[in-house]
């Protein structure tokens, strides 16, 4: 997980290359739609599934155990669908609204921020289940992994967007902390679904921050 942001950096580089190629063929709105679709395809939409499961668990869970049971269910509920569609709509719109002078920069650091958020949310957290895909990550991440991931993210954000990049990192760090504290009180920790949800939410917030401070 120390190099999660580097994985995001590679994904961001691919997005920039695709943006350059698509822009020579299609109008801007279609380019943004193709970019967003390509990005989801790169990571298989795994984090979006986590977002939908997390929302369903929060919306329908009567208590901790019930919420965790709902989150583990492979079916998706109505609330999960609504939130998922809203996030996809907002994220596509945000990508399409990135100004020309900051478009490639935003595409580059979006996946970096999203994957760093997962490291940040994992650090110092408890795993809410006895077993699960996210458990090894939660148990493994210590100060070394957080420091390395954070340094990579800060350097990339600073070199890419300067003060705007650092502001995006600080904002998403606060959101990640809020989410981490909330789920610790709500269900006694985090799960892989929650990490995926946190990454998706913070990617959107990062894009909104960049657009808002232009």
Protein backbone atom coordinates (compact mmCIF):
# COMPACT_ATOMS: atom_id res chain seq x y z
CA UNK A 1 0.00 0.00 0.00
CA UNK A 2 3.00 2.30 0.30
CA UNK A 3 3.07 2.51 -3.49
CA UNK A 4 -0.68 2.73 -4.04
CA UNK A 5 -0.29 6.38 -5.20
CA UNK A 6 2.23 5.24 -7.84
CA UNK A 7 -0.43 2.88 -9.20
CA UNK A 8 -2.74 5.89 -9.33
CA UNK A 9 -0.01 7.88 -11.11
CA UNK A 10 0.25 5.20 -13.79
CA UNK A 11 -3.52 5.24 -14.26
CA UNK A 12 -3.46 9.03 -14.49
CA UNK A 13 -0.79 8.87 -17.17
CA UNK A 14 -2.93 6.49 -19.21
CA UNK A 15 -5.91 8.85 -18.85
CA UNK A 16 -3.84 11.75 -20.20
CA UNK A 17 -2.73 9.66 -23.19
CA UNK A 18 -6.32 8.62 -23.89
CA UNK A 19 -7.52 12.21 -23.55
CA UNK A 20 -4.97 13.32 -26.12
CA UNK A 21 -5.98 10.58 -28.52
CA UNK A 22 -9.74 10.89 -28.09
CA UNK A 23 -9.61 14.67 -28.48
CA UNK A 24 -8.50 14.27 -32.09
CA UNK A 25 -11.58 12.19 -32.91
CA UNK A 26 -14.54 13.17 -30.73
CA UNK A 27 -16.13 16.33 -29.26
CA UNK A 28 -15.26 17.24 -25.64
CA UNK A 29 -18.34 15.79 -23.94
CA UNK A 30 -17.83 12.39 -25.58
CA UNK A 31 -14.12 12.50 -24.78
CA UNK A 32 -14.93 12.95 -21.08
CA UNK A 33 -17.45 10.10 -21.18
CA UNK A 34 -14.92 7.79 -22.86
CA UNK A 35 -12.24 8.78 -20.36
CA UNK A 36 -14.49 8.06 -17.41
CA UNK A 37 -15.57 4.74 -18.91
CA UNK A 38 -11.95 3.80 -19.59
CA UNK A 39 -10.94 4.68 -16.04
CA UNK A 40 -13.66 2.49 -14.55
CA UNK A 41 -12.64 -0.34 -16.87
CA UNK A 42 -9.01 -0.06 -15.71
CA UNK A 43 -9.87 -1.00 -12.13
CA UNK A 44 -12.96 -3.06 -12.95
CA UNK A 45 -15.40 -0.81 -11.10
CA UNK A 46 -14.43 -2.60 -7.90
CA UNK A 47 -14.54 0.55 -5.80
CA UNK A 48 -17.94 1.54 -7.16
CA UNK A 49 -19.28 -1.79 -5.98
CA UNK A 50 -17.87 -0.98 -2.56
CA UNK A 51 -19.63 2.39 -2.59
CA UNK A 52 -23.01 0.84 -3.39
CA UNK A 53 -22.59 -1.87 -0.72
CA UNK A 54 -21.54 0.69 1.88
CA UNK A 55 -24.53 2.93 1.22
CA UNK A 56 -26.91 -0.03 1.34
CA UNK A 57 -25.45 -1.09 4.68
CA UNK A 58 -25.83 2.39 6.15
CA UNK A 59 -29.34 2.84 4.79
CA UNK A 60 -30.74 -0.54 5.78
CA UNK A 61 -28.65 -1.64 8.74
CA UNK A 62 -30.55 -1.67 12.03
CA UNK A 63 -27.34 -2.29 13.97
CA UNK A 64 -23.68 -3.10 13.37
CA UNK A 65 -24.16 -6.76 12.51
CA UNK A 66 -27.13 -6.08 10.27
CA UNK A 67 -25.24 -3.36 8.40
CA UNK A 68 -22.25 -5.65 7.83
CA UNK A 69 -24.55 -8.42 6.62
CA UNK A 70 -26.19 -6.10 4.08
CA UNK A 71 -22.81 -4.86 2.88
CA UNK A 72 -21.71 -8.42 2.24
CA UNK A 73 -24.83 -9.20 0.20
CA UNK A 74 -24.08 -9.30 -3.54
CA UNK A 75 -27.44 -7.69 -4.35
CA UNK A 76 -27.73 -3.91 -4.61
CA UNK A 77 -30.54 -1.90 -3.03
CA UNK A 78 -32.44 1.13 -4.33
CA UNK A 79 -30.51 3.62 -2.17
CA UNK A 80 -27.22 2.16 -3.30
CA UNK A 81 -28.27 2.54 -6.93
CA UNK A 82 -29.34 6.17 -6.43
CA UNK A 83 -26.08 7.18 -4.73
CA UNK A 84 -24.03 5.29 -7.30
CA UNK A 85 -25.78 7.03 -10.20
CA UNK A 86 -25.38 10.43 -8.53
CA UNK A 87 -21.67 9.89 -7.95
CA UNK A 88 -21.16 8.76 -11.56
CA UNK A 89 -23.08 11.78 -12.83
CA UNK A 90 -21.14 14.22 -10.65
CA UNK A 91 -17.79 12.65 -11.46
CA UNK A 92 -18.39 12.69 -15.20
CA UNK A 93 -19.58 16.30 -15.01
CA UNK A 94 -16.53 17.26 -12.95
CA UNK A 95 -14.15 15.65 -15.43
CA UNK A 96 -15.92 17.36 -18.31
CA UNK A 97 -15.78 20.70 -16.44
CA UNK A 98 -12.04 20.65 -15.79
CA UNK A 99 -10.62 23.81 -17.41
CA UNK A 100 -8.20 23.30 -20.29
CA UNK A 101 -5.27 24.65 -18.29
CA UNK A 102 -5.84 22.13 -15.50
CA UNK A 103 -7.43 19.20 -17.33
CA UNK A 104 -4.40 16.95 -17.65
CA UNK A 105 -3.24 17.88 -14.17
CA UNK A 106 -6.61 16.94 -12.70
CA UNK A 107 -6.71 13.66 -14.60
CA UNK A 108 -3.21 12.83 -13.39
CA UNK A 109 -3.70 13.34 -9.67
CA UNK A 110 -7.32 12.13 -9.40
CA UNK A 111 -6.35 8.43 -9.15
CA UNK A 112 -3.33 9.33 -7.02
CA UNK A 113 -5.53 11.04 -4.43
CA UNK A 114 -8.09 8.23 -4.54
CA UNK A 115 -5.55 5.52 -3.76
CA UNK A 116 -3.74 7.59 -1.16
CA UNK A 117 -7.08 8.11 0.60
CA UNK A 118 -7.39 4.34 0.96
CA UNK A 119 -3.97 4.16 2.63
CA UNK A 120 -4.87 7.05 4.93
CA UNK A 121 -8.22 5.52 5.91
CA UNK A 122 -6.57 2.14 6.54
CA UNK A 123 -3.85 3.47 8.83
CA UNK A 124 -4.78 3.13 12.51
CA UNK A 125 -8.16 1.60 11.73
CA UNK A 126 -9.69 -1.66 12.89
CA UNK A 127 -11.15 -4.18 10.52
CA UNK A 128 -14.86 -4.47 11.20
CA UNK A 129 -15.16 -8.14 10.21
CA UNK A 130 -13.39 -11.26 11.39
CA UNK A 131 -12.35 -12.05 7.81
CA UNK A 132 -12.45 -10.29 4.45
CA UNK A 133 -10.43 -9.07 1.49
CA UNK A 134 -9.51 -5.83 3.26
CA UNK A 135 -8.25 -7.39 6.49
CA UNK A 136 -4.61 -7.96 5.39
CA UNK A 137 -4.37 -4.34 4.24
CA UNK A 138 -5.64 -2.98 7.54
CA UNK A 139 -3.28 -5.17 9.54
CA UNK A 140 -0.27 -4.42 7.33
CA UNK A 141 -0.34 -0.63 7.03
CA UNK A 142 1.88 1.08 9.61
CA UNK A 143 3.67 4.45 9.84
CA UNK A 144 6.20 3.52 7.13
CA UNK A 145 3.55 2.78 4.52
CA UNK A 146 1.58 5.92 5.35
CA UNK A 147 4.66 8.17 5.23
CA UNK A 148 5.86 6.80 1.89
CA UNK A 149 2.39 6.99 0.32
CA UNK A 150 1.87 10.51 1.69
CA UNK A 151 5.23 11.79 0.43
CA UNK A 152 4.53 10.43 -3.05
CA UNK A 153 1.10 12.05 -3.08
CA UNK A 154 2.29 15.42 -1.77
CA UNK A 155 5.20 15.60 -4.22
CA UNK A 156 3.05 14.64 -7.22
CA UNK A 157 0.28 17.06 -6.21
CA UNK A 158 2.73 19.92 -5.64
CA UNK A 159 4.61 19.39 -8.91
CA UNK A 160 1.33 19.06 -10.80
CA UNK A 161 -0.88 21.76 -9.32
CA UNK A 162 1.20 23.62 -6.75
CA UNK A 163 -0.85 25.13 -3.93
CA UNK A 164 -4.08 23.88 -5.52
CA UNK A 165 -2.73 20.34 -5.37
CA UNK A 166 -1.78 20.64 -1.72
CA UNK A 167 -5.21 22.07 -0.92
CA UNK A 168 -6.80 19.08 -2.66
CA UNK A 169 -4.67 16.71 -0.55
CA UNK A 170 -5.57 18.50 2.69
CA UNK A 171 -9.27 18.55 1.84
CA UNK A 172 -9.40 14.86 0.98
CA UNK A 173 -7.37 14.04 4.08
CA UNK A 174 -10.02 15.72 6.22
CA UNK A 175 -12.81 13.88 4.40
CA UNK A 176 -10.97 10.59 4.82
CA UNK A 177 -10.53 11.25 8.53
CA UNK A 178 -14.22 12.04 8.93
CA UNK A 179 -15.19 8.85 7.12
CA UNK A 180 -12.77 6.81 9.20
CA UNK A 181 -14.09 8.18 12.49
CA UNK A 182 -17.71 7.83 11.36
CA UNK A 183 -17.42 4.16 10.43
CA UNK A 184 -15.41 3.37 13.53
CA UNK A 185 -18.35 4.58 15.63
CA UNK A 186 -21.00 3.15 13.31
CA UNK A 187 -19.72 -0.40 12.75
CA UNK A 188 -16.53 -0.60 14.79
CA UNK A 189 -14.04 -0.14 11.97
CA UNK A 190 -13.71 -0.29 8.22
CA UNK A 191 -14.05 -2.90 5.47
CA UNK A 192 -12.81 -3.24 1.91
CA UNK A 193 -16.13 -1.81 0.71
CA UNK A 194 -15.62 1.28 2.84
CA UNK A 195 -12.10 1.80 1.50
CA UNK A 196 -13.45 1.64 -2.05
CA UNK A 197 -16.21 4.09 -1.19
CA UNK A 198 -13.76 6.48 0.45
CA UNK A 199 -11.53 6.48 -2.60
CA UNK A 200 -14.42 7.20 -4.95
CA UNK A 201 -15.78 10.00 -2.78
CA UNK A 202 -12.40 11.68 -2.34
CA UNK A 203 -11.63 11.53 -6.07
CA UNK A 204 -14.84 13.44 -6.70
CA UNK A 205 -14.09 15.96 -3.96
CA UNK A 206 -10.59 16.49 -5.34
CA UNK A 207 -12.02 17.34 -8.76
CA UNK A 208 -14.55 19.72 -7.23
CA UNK A 209 -11.83 21.47 -5.22
CA UNK A 210 -9.73 22.06 -8.34
CA UNK A 211 -12.72 23.42 -10.26
CA UNK A 212 -13.84 25.63 -7.36
CA UNK A 213 -10.48 27.36 -6.83
CA UNK A 214 -9.64 28.10 -10.47
